[in-house]
Amino acid sequence: MESWMRELGLVMNLRELGATEEILEGIADGTVIRDGGYKVLNRDEVLEILKASL
């Protein structure tokens, strides 16, 4: 599936969008955290997901 997605020109991670480790804190700070759903994430969890997405 990944090769098909790349063939379509889709971005596969944040680094391909130009994100760096230095800007992840700002992205996490700007993330709107909503109640509801399977699990409500906190800022630190959002930051860990962002780091894993580089």
C-alpha atoms as a PDB file:
ATOM      1  CA  MET A   1       0.000   0.000   0.000  1.00  0.00           C
ATOM      2  CA  GLU A   2       2.878   2.360   0.787  1.00  0.00           C
ATOM      3  CA  SER A   3       4.304   2.064  -2.721  1.00  0.00           C
ATOM      4  CA  TRP A   4       0.865   2.805  -4.198  1.00  0.00           C
ATOM      5  CA  MET A   5       0.484   5.849  -1.938  1.00  0.00           C
ATOM      6  CA  ARG A   6       3.936   7.088  -2.952  1.00  0.00           C
ATOM      7  CA  GLU A   7       3.002   6.517  -6.595  1.00  0.00           C
ATOM      8  CA  LEU A   8       0.066   8.856  -6.026  1.00  0.00           C
ATOM      9  CA  GLY A   9       2.473  11.425  -4.596  1.00  0.00           C
ATOM     10  CA  LEU A  10       1.049  11.340  -1.071  1.00  0.00           C
ATOM     11  CA  VAL A  11       3.137  12.509   1.865  1.00  0.00           C
ATOM     12  CA  MET A  12       4.106   9.634   4.149  1.00  0.00           C
ATOM     13  CA  ASN A  13       5.503  11.514   7.157  1.00  0.00           C
ATOM     14  CA  LEU A  14       5.900  14.975   8.640  1.00  0.00           C
ATOM     15  CA  ARG A  15       9.501  15.315   7.457  1.00  0.00           C
ATOM     16  CA  GLU A  16       8.289  15.107   3.854  1.00  0.00           C
ATOM     17  CA  LEU A  17       6.084  18.109   4.658  1.00  0.00           C
ATOM     18  CA  GLY A  18       9.133  20.031   5.862  1.00  0.00           C
ATOM     19  CA  ALA A  19       8.590  19.572   9.592  1.00  0.00           C
ATOM     20  CA  THR A  20      11.610  19.389  11.877  1.00  0.00           C
ATOM     21  CA  GLU A  21      12.064  18.325  15.485  1.00  0.00           C
ATOM     22  CA  GLU A  22      12.387  21.996  16.438  1.00  0.00           C
ATOM     23  CA  ILE A  23       8.843  22.927  15.377  1.00  0.00           C
ATOM     24  CA  LEU A  24       7.009  19.967  16.929  1.00  0.00           C
ATOM     25  CA  GLU A  25       6.462  21.749  20.262  1.00  0.00           C
ATOM     26  CA  GLY A  26       4.692  24.576  18.435  1.00  0.00           C
ATOM     27  CA  ILE A  27       2.544  22.137  16.486  1.00  0.00           C
ATOM     28  CA  ALA A  28       1.601  20.355  19.720  1.00  0.00           C
ATOM     29  CA  ASP A  29       0.770  23.695  21.368  1.00  0.00           C
ATOM     30  CA  GLY A  30      -1.465  24.618  18.441  1.00  0.00           C
ATOM     31  CA  THR A  31      -3.324  21.305  18.412  1.00  0.00           C
ATOM     32  CA  VAL A  32      -6.952  21.508  19.481  1.00  0.00           C
ATOM     33  CA  ILE A  33      -7.685  18.664  21.881  1.00  0.00           C
ATOM     34  CA  ARG A  34     -11.340  17.687  21.885  1.00  0.00           C
ATOM     35  CA  ASP A  35     -13.276  15.615  24.398  1.00  0.00           C
ATOM     36  CA  GLY A  36     -14.836  12.392  23.220  1.00  0.00           C
ATOM     37  CA  GLY A  37     -13.759   9.596  20.967  1.00  0.00           C
ATOM     38  CA  TYR A  38     -11.795   6.507  21.901  1.00  0.00           C
ATOM     39  CA  LYS A  39      -9.192   8.323  24.026  1.00  0.00           C
ATOM     40  CA  VAL A  40      -8.692  11.989  24.826  1.00  0.00           C
ATOM     41  CA  LEU A  41      -5.034  12.800  24.209  1.00  0.00           C
ATOM     42  CA  ASN A  42      -3.045  15.294  26.231  1.00  0.00           C
ATOM     43  CA  ARG A  43      -0.371  17.620  24.842  1.00  0.00           C
ATOM     44  CA  ASP A  44       2.496  15.252  25.706  1.00  0.00           C
ATOM     45  CA  GLU A  45       0.796  12.369  23.912  1.00  0.00           C
ATOM     46  CA  VAL A  46       0.236  14.557  20.860  1.00  0.00           C
ATOM     47  CA  LEU A  47       3.921  15.509  20.933  1.00  0.00           C
ATOM     48  CA  GLU A  48       4.997  11.849  21.088  1.00  0.00           C
ATOM     49  CA  ILE A  49       2.786  11.033  18.089  1.00  0.00           C
ATOM     50  CA  LEU A  50       4.298  13.944  16.178  1.00  0.00           C
ATOM     51  CA  LYS A  51       7.832  12.768  16.994  1.00  0.00           C
ATOM     52  CA  ALA A  52       6.984   9.259  15.807  1.00  0.00           C
ATOM     53  CA  SER A  53       5.595  10.775  12.599  1.00  0.00           C
ATOM     54  CA  LEU A  54       8.878  12.369  11.568  1.00  0.00           C
END
